[in-house]
Structures are given as structure tokens and as C-alpha cells.
PDB file of N, CA and C in Angstrom:
ATOM      1  N   MET A   1      95.229 103.066  84.859  1.00  0.00           N
ATOM      2  CA  MET A   1      95.127 104.289  85.631  1.00  0.00           C
ATOM      3  C   MET A   1      96.409 104.491  86.432  1.00  0.00           C
ATOM      4  N   GLY A   2      96.745 105.725  86.572  1.00  0.00           N
ATOM      5  CA  GLY A   2      97.928 106.035  87.346  1.00  0.00           C
ATOM      6  C   GLY A   2      98.136 107.536  87.416  1.00  0.00           C
ATOM      7  N   LEU A   3      99.239 107.905  87.924  1.00  0.00           N
ATOM      8  CA  LEU A   3      99.565 109.311  88.084  1.00  0.00           C
ATOM      9  C   LEU A   3      99.508 110.025  86.742  1.00  0.00           C
ATOM     10  N   GLY A   4      98.777 111.130  86.693  1.00  0.00           N
ATOM     11  CA  GLY A   4      98.663 111.911  85.475  1.00  0.00           C
ATOM     12  C   GLY A   4      97.623 111.418  84.494  1.00  0.00           C
ATOM     13  N   GLU A   5      96.904 110.351  84.839  1.00  0.00           N
ATOM     14  CA  GLU A   5      95.872 109.807  83.969  1.00  0.00           C
ATOM     15  C   GLU A   5      94.503 110.030  84.588  1.00  0.00           C
ATOM     16  N   ASP A   6      93.501 110.259  83.744  1.00  0.00           N
ATOM     17  CA  ASP A   6      92.137 110.425  84.228  1.00  0.00           C
ATOM     18  C   ASP A   6      91.598 109.103  84.750  1.00  0.00           C
ATOM     19  N   SER A   7      90.846 109.173  85.829  1.00  0.00           N
ATOM     20  CA  SER A   7      90.214 107.995  86.393  1.00  0.00           C
ATOM     21  C   SER A   7      88.908 107.710  85.663  1.00  0.00           C
ATOM     22  N   LYS A   8      88.552 106.466  85.577  1.00  0.00           N
ATOM     23  CA  LYS A   8      87.273 106.066  84.978  1.00  0.00           C
ATOM     24  C   LYS A   8      86.142 106.084  86.023  1.00  0.00           C
ATOM     25  N   MET A   9      86.499 106.250  87.300  1.00  0.00           N
ATOM     26  CA  MET A   9      85.487 106.261  88.366  1.00  0.00           C
ATOM     27  C   MET A   9      84.738 107.591  88.360  1.00  0.00           C
ATOM     28  N   ARG A  10      83.498 107.556  88.825  1.00  0.00           N
ATOM     29  CA  ARG A  10      82.705 108.778  88.941  1.00  0.00           C
ATOM     30  C   ARG A  10      83.317 109.685  90.008  1.00  0.00           C
ATOM     31  N   ARG A  11      83.191 110.986  89.798  1.00  0.00           N
ATOM     32  CA  ARG A  11      83.667 111.973  90.769  1.00  0.00           C
ATOM     33  C   ARG A  11      82.675 112.000  91.934  1.00  0.00           C
ATOM     34  N   ALA A  12      83.189 111.910  93.166  1.00  0.00           N
ATOM     35  CA  ALA A  12      82.311 111.895  94.339  1.00  0.00           C
ATOM     36  C   ALA A  12      83.036 112.423  95.562  1.00  0.00           C
ATOM     37  N   ILE A  13      82.245 112.981  96.463  1.00  0.00           N
ATOM     38  CA  ILE A  13      82.721 113.338  97.796  1.00  0.00           C
ATOM     39  C   ILE A  13      81.867 112.541  98.772  1.00  0.00           C
ATOM     40  N   ILE A  14      82.525 111.740  99.592  1.00  0.00           N
ATOM     41  CA  ILE A  14      81.843 110.934 100.600  1.00  0.00           C
ATOM     42  C   ILE A  14      82.396 111.369 101.947  1.00  0.00           C
ATOM     43  N   MET A  15      81.530 111.902 102.801  1.00  0.00           N
ATOM     44  CA  MET A  15      81.989 112.514 104.046  1.00  0.00           C
ATOM     45  C   MET A  15      81.394 111.832 105.268  1.00  0.00           C
ATOM     46  N   SER A  16      82.073 112.045 106.378  1.00  0.00           N
ATOM     47  CA  SER A  16      81.617 111.530 107.659  1.00  0.00           C
ATOM     48  C   SER A  16      81.893 112.590 108.716  1.00  0.00           C
ATOM     49  N   GLY A  17      81.035 112.653 109.728  1.00  0.00           N
ATOM     50  CA  GLY A  17      81.258 113.582 110.823  1.00  0.00           C
ATOM     51  C   GLY A  17      80.639 114.947 110.611  1.00  0.00           C
ATOM     52  N   PHE A  18      79.900 115.140 109.520  1.00  0.00           N
ATOM     53  CA  PHE A  18      79.239 116.400 109.233  1.00  0.00           C
ATOM     54  C   PHE A  18      77.749 116.255 109.524  1.00  0.00           C
ATOM     55  N   SER A  19      77.135 117.300 110.016  1.00  0.00           N
ATOM     56  CA  SER A  19      75.676 117.297 110.161  1.00  0.00           C
ATOM     57  C   SER A  19      75.068 117.514 108.776  1.00  0.00           C
ATOM     58  N   GLN A  20      73.785 117.260 108.654  1.00  0.00           N
ATOM     59  CA  GLN A  20      73.107 117.474 107.373  1.00  0.00           C
ATOM     60  C   GLN A  20      73.204 118.947 106.984  1.00  0.00           C
ATOM     61  N   LYS A  21      73.044 119.845 107.934  1.00  0.00           N
ATOM     62  CA  LYS A  21      73.135 121.284 107.664  1.00  0.00           C
ATOM     63  C   LYS A  21      74.535 121.644 107.153  1.00  0.00           C
ATOM     64  N   GLU A  22      75.566 121.114 107.784  1.00  0.00           N
ATOM     65  CA  GLU A  22      76.939 121.394 107.352  1.00  0.00           C
ATOM     66  C   GLU A  22      77.197 120.839 105.948  1.00  0.00           C
ATOM     67  N   LEU A  23      76.659 119.670 105.674  1.00  0.00           N
ATOM     68  CA  LEU A  23      76.817 119.071 104.352  1.00  0.00           C
ATOM     69  C   LEU A  23      76.180 119.968 103.290  1.00  0.00           C
ATOM     70  N   TYR A  24      74.966 120.439 103.537  1.00  0.00           N
ATOM     71  CA  TYR A  24      74.289 121.317 102.577  1.00  0.00           C
ATOM     72  C   TYR A  24      75.038 122.635 102.400  1.00  0.00           C
ATOM     73  N   GLN A  25      75.609 123.170 103.475  1.00  0.00           N
ATOM     74  CA  GLN A  25      76.394 124.399 103.367  1.00  0.00           C
ATOM     75  C   GLN A  25      77.622 124.174 102.494  1.00  0.00           C
ATOM     76  N   LEU A  26      78.291 123.060 102.694  1.00  0.00           N
ATOM     77  CA  LEU A  26      79.471 122.740 101.896  1.00  0.00           C
ATOM     78  C   LEU A  26      79.101 122.555 100.424  1.00  0.00           C
ATOM     79  N   MET A  27      77.980 121.881 100.179  1.00  0.00           N
ATOM     80  CA  MET A  27      77.534 121.681  98.800  1.00  0.00           C
ATOM     81  C   MET A  27      77.222 123.017  98.129  1.00  0.00           C
ATOM     82  N   ALA A  28      76.617 123.931  98.870  1.00  0.00           N
ATOM     83  CA  ALA A  28      76.299 125.253  98.318  1.00  0.00           C
ATOM     84  C   ALA A  28      77.577 126.019  97.980  1.00  0.00           C
ATOM     85  N   LEU A  29      78.558 125.974  98.868  1.00  0.00           N
ATOM     86  CA  LEU A  29      79.827 126.650  98.610  1.00  0.00           C
ATOM     87  C   LEU A  29      80.536 126.034  97.407  1.00  0.00           C
ATOM     88  N   TYR A  30      80.486 124.734  97.293  1.00  0.00           N
ATOM     89  CA  TYR A  30      81.090 124.034  96.163  1.00  0.00           C
ATOM     90  C   TYR A  30      80.443 124.504  94.860  1.00  0.00           C
ATOM     91  N   SER A  31      79.130 124.611  94.876  1.00  0.00           N
ATOM     92  CA  SER A  31      78.395 125.052  93.689  1.00  0.00           C
ATOM     93  C   SER A  31      78.774 126.484  93.312  1.00  0.00           C
ATOM     94  N   LEU A  32      78.879 127.351  94.303  1.00  0.00           N
ATOM     95  CA  LEU A  32      79.262 128.749  94.046  1.00  0.00           C
ATOM     96  C   LEU A  32      80.656 128.849  93.438  1.00  0.00           C
ATOM     97  N   ALA A  33      81.531 127.911  93.783  1.00  0.00           N
ATOM     98  CA  ALA A  33      82.901 127.922  93.260  1.00  0.00           C
ATOM     99  C   ALA A  33      82.967 127.411  91.822  1.00  0.00           C
ATOM    100  N   GLU A  34      81.825 126.951  91.291  1.00  0.00           N
ATOM    101  CA  GLU A  34      81.717 126.463  89.918  1.00  0.00           C
ATOM    102  C   GLU A  34      82.716 125.336  89.618  1.00  0.00           C
ATOM    103  N   LEU A  35      82.847 124.424  90.562  1.00  0.00           N
ATOM    104  CA  LEU A  35      83.704 123.258  90.392  1.00  0.00           C
ATOM    105  C   LEU A  35      82.944 122.177  89.620  1.00  0.00           C
ATOM    106  N   PRO A  36      83.633 121.159  89.101  1.00  0.00           N
ATOM    107  CA  PRO A  36      82.952 120.121  88.309  1.00  0.00           C
ATOM    108  C   PRO A  36      81.856 119.413  89.102  1.00  0.00           C
ATOM    109  N   PRO A  37      80.760 119.042  88.428  1.00  0.00           N
ATOM    110  CA  PRO A  37      79.683 118.320  89.114  1.00  0.00           C
ATOM    111  C   PRO A  37      80.184 116.976  89.643  1.00  0.00           C
ATOM    112  N   GLN A  38      79.580 116.549  90.735  1.00  0.00           N
ATOM    113  CA  GLN A  38      79.952 115.268  91.311  1.00  0.00           C
ATOM    114  C   GLN A  38      78.844 114.723  92.188  1.00  0.00           C
ATOM    115  N   LEU A  39      79.012 113.506  92.627  1.00  0.00           N
ATOM    116  CA  LEU A  39      78.075 112.865  93.535  1.00  0.00           C
ATOM    117  C   LEU A  39      78.461 113.226  94.965  1.00  0.00           C
ATOM    118  N   TRP A  40      77.467 113.361  95.817  1.00  0.00           N
ATOM    119  CA  TRP A  40      77.690 113.694  97.228  1.00  0.00           C
ATOM    120  C   TRP A  40      77.062 112.634  98.105  1.00  0.00           C
ATOM    121  N   ALA A  41      77.728 112.305  99.205  1.00  0.00           N
ATOM    122  CA  ALA A  41      77.166 111.341 100.149  1.00  0.00           C
ATOM    123  C   ALA A  41      77.710 111.595 101.549  1.00  0.00           C
ATOM    124  N   ARG A  42      76.880 111.274 102.497  1.00  0.00           N
ATOM    125  CA  ARG A  42      77.309 111.275 103.893  1.00  0.00           C
ATOM    126  C   ARG A  42      77.362 109.813 104.320  1.00  0.00           C
ATOM    127  N   LEU A  43      78.464 109.405 104.908  1.00  0.00           N
ATOM    128  CA  LEU A  43      78.642 108.018 105.319  1.00  0.00           C
ATOM    129  C   LEU A  43      77.591 107.640 106.357  1.00  0.00           C
ATOM    130  N   THR A  44      76.960 106.482 106.142  1.00  0.00           N
ATOM    131  CA  THR A  44      75.944 105.965 107.063  1.00  0.00           C
ATOM    132  C   THR A  44      76.332 104.542 107.450  1.00  0.00           C
ATOM    133  N   PRO A  45      75.683 103.966 108.453  1.00  0.00           N
ATOM    134  CA  PRO A  45      75.981 102.572 108.799  1.00  0.00           C
ATOM    135  C   PRO A  45      75.777 101.611 107.616  1.00  0.00           C
ATOM    136  N   VAL A  46      74.820 101.905 106.753  1.00  0.00           N
ATOM    137  CA  VAL A  46      74.582 101.055 105.584  1.00  0.00           C
ATOM    138  C   VAL A  46      75.666 101.277 104.530  1.00  0.00           C
ATOM    139  N   SER A  47      75.948 102.553 104.212  1.00  0.00           N
ATOM    140  CA  SER A  47      76.896 102.829 103.133  1.00  0.00           C
ATOM    141  C   SER A  47      78.333 102.455 103.489  1.00  0.00           C
ATOM    142  N   GLU A  48      78.667 102.454 104.785  1.00  0.00           N
ATOM    143  CA  GLU A  48      80.048 102.122 105.140  1.00  0.00           C
ATOM    144  C   GLU A  48      80.367 100.646 104.913  1.00  0.00           C
ATOM    145  N   LYS A  49      79.328  99.834 104.686  1.00  0.00           N
ATOM    146  CA  LYS A  49      79.540  98.414 104.402  1.00  0.00           C
ATOM    147  C   LYS A  49      79.670  98.141 102.903  1.00  0.00           C
ATOM    148  N   CYS A  50      79.426  99.154 102.078  1.00  0.00           N
ATOM    149  CA  CYS A  50      79.496  99.007 100.621  1.00  0.00           C
ATOM    150  C   CYS A  50      80.924  99.189 100.128  1.00  0.00           C
ATOM    151  N   SER A  51      81.231  98.526  99.019  1.00  0.00           N
ATOM    152  CA  SER A  51      82.502  98.802  98.356  1.00  0.00           C
ATOM    153  C   SER A  51      82.380 100.172  97.672  1.00  0.00           C
ATOM    154  N   VAL A  52      83.501 100.785  97.355  1.00  0.00           N
ATOM    155  CA  VAL A  52      83.458 102.097  96.704  1.00  0.00           C
ATOM    156  C   VAL A  52      82.728 102.020  95.365  1.00  0.00           C
ATOM    157  N   PRO A  53      83.046 101.069  94.480  1.00  0.00           N
ATOM    158  CA  PRO A  53      82.299 101.005  93.212  1.00  0.00           C
ATOM    159  C   PRO A  53      80.791 100.812  93.411  1.00  0.00           C
ATOM    160  N   GLN A  54      80.412  99.980  94.384  1.00  0.00           N
ATOM    161  CA  GLN A  54      78.990  99.755  94.666  1.00  0.00           C
ATOM    162  C   GLN A  54      78.336 101.048  95.160  1.00  0.00           C
ATOM    163  N   LEU A  55      78.995 101.757  96.052  1.00  0.00           N
ATOM    164  CA  LEU A  55      78.459 103.009  96.579  1.00  0.00           C
ATOM    165  C   LEU A  55      78.322 104.049  95.471  1.00  0.00           C
ATOM    166  N   LEU A  56      79.322 104.147  94.596  1.00  0.00           N
ATOM    167  CA  LEU A  56      79.248 105.099  93.489  1.00  0.00           C
ATOM    168  C   LEU A  56      78.104 104.766  92.543  1.00  0.00           C
ATOM    169  N   ASP A  57      77.877 103.475  92.278  1.00  0.00           N
ATOM    170  CA  ASP A  57      76.749 103.068  91.435  1.00  0.00           C
ATOM    171  C   ASP A  57      75.426 103.469  92.069  1.00  0.00           C
ATOM    172  N   GLU A  58      75.292 103.255  93.384  1.00  0.00           N
ATOM    173  CA  GLU A  58      74.050 103.614  94.078  1.00  0.00           C
ATOM    174  C   GLU A  58      73.840 105.126  94.091  1.00  0.00           C
ATOM    175  N   LEU A  59      74.911 105.881  94.309  1.00  0.00           N
ATOM    176  CA  LEU A  59      74.809 107.342  94.292  1.00  0.00           C
ATOM    177  C   LEU A  59      74.399 107.852  92.905  1.00  0.00           C
ATOM    178  N   ALA A  60      74.996 107.269  91.872  1.00  0.00           N
ATOM    179  CA  ALA A  60      74.653 107.664  90.502  1.00  0.00           C
ATOM    180  C   ALA A  60      73.181 107.363  90.204  1.00  0.00           C
ATOM    181  N   ALA A  61      72.706 106.214  90.645  1.00  0.00           N
ATOM    182  CA  ALA A  61      71.290 105.851  90.414  1.00  0.00           C
ATOM    183  C   ALA A  61      70.368 106.825  91.151  1.00  0.00           C
ATOM    184  N   GLU A  62      70.712 107.175  92.386  1.00  0.00           N
ATOM    185  CA  GLU A  62      69.905 108.144  93.136  1.00  0.00           C
ATOM    186  C   GLU A  62      69.917 109.511  92.451  1.00  0.00           C
ATOM    187  N   SER A  63      71.072 109.918  91.961  1.00  0.00           N
ATOM    188  CA  SER A  63      71.191 111.207  91.279  1.00  0.00           C
ATOM    189  C   SER A  63      70.320 111.250  90.033  1.00  0.00           C
ATOM    190  N   GLU A  64      70.324 110.173  89.251  1.00  0.00           N
ATOM    191  CA  GLU A  64      69.488 110.091  88.046  1.00  0.00           C
ATOM    192  C   GLU A  64      68.003 110.110  88.399  1.00  0.00           C
ATOM    193  N   ALA A  65      67.636 109.430  89.478  1.00  0.00           N
ATOM    194  CA  ALA A  65      66.236 109.380  89.892  1.00  0.00           C
ATOM    195  C   ALA A  65      65.738 110.769  90.294  1.00  0.00           C
ATOM    196  N   ILE A  66      66.605 111.566  90.903  1.00  0.00           N
ATOM    197  CA  ILE A  66      66.233 112.908  91.339  1.00  0.00           C
ATOM    198  C   ILE A  66      66.041 113.826  90.141  1.00  0.00           C
ATOM    199  N   LYS A  67      66.864 113.619  89.105  1.00  0.00           N
ATOM    200  CA  LYS A  67      66.756 114.457  87.899  1.00  0.00           C
ATOM    201  C   LYS A  67      65.484 114.129  87.188  1.00  0.00           C
TER     202      LYS A  67
END
């Protein structure tokens, strides 16, 4: 992986400092812009202790469970 190459990691936005309402508003705007699908997360005391690959795996599992 490097500059100009596609990443093998899942696409995700992980945010901190947003309220749940603000997060949902941002997700709605993102959807309206017809951007590529991705995983969404708000940083929590539990998730901030996870490695990025571990967090992405957990987000992907939650996303599949919801579908």
C-alpha cells in the first residue's frame, strides 16, 4: 500500500466530539451526497482502546448484524 494505491482496509469514519444528533445529521448529508458506503462510529471509552483493525472488524460485524 502506498500513495496512489487502493487500501485493503474497510472505508470508515470514526468521529469524536459530536453528539448523536449531529452524527445522524452528518450521516444523512453523506447519504444525500451519494458518496461510497462506509462504516460509521463515534469514539467511546471502549472503542478508543481498540486498534484500528480491531475496531473496523467490530464495526463491520455490527453492520452485517443490522442488515
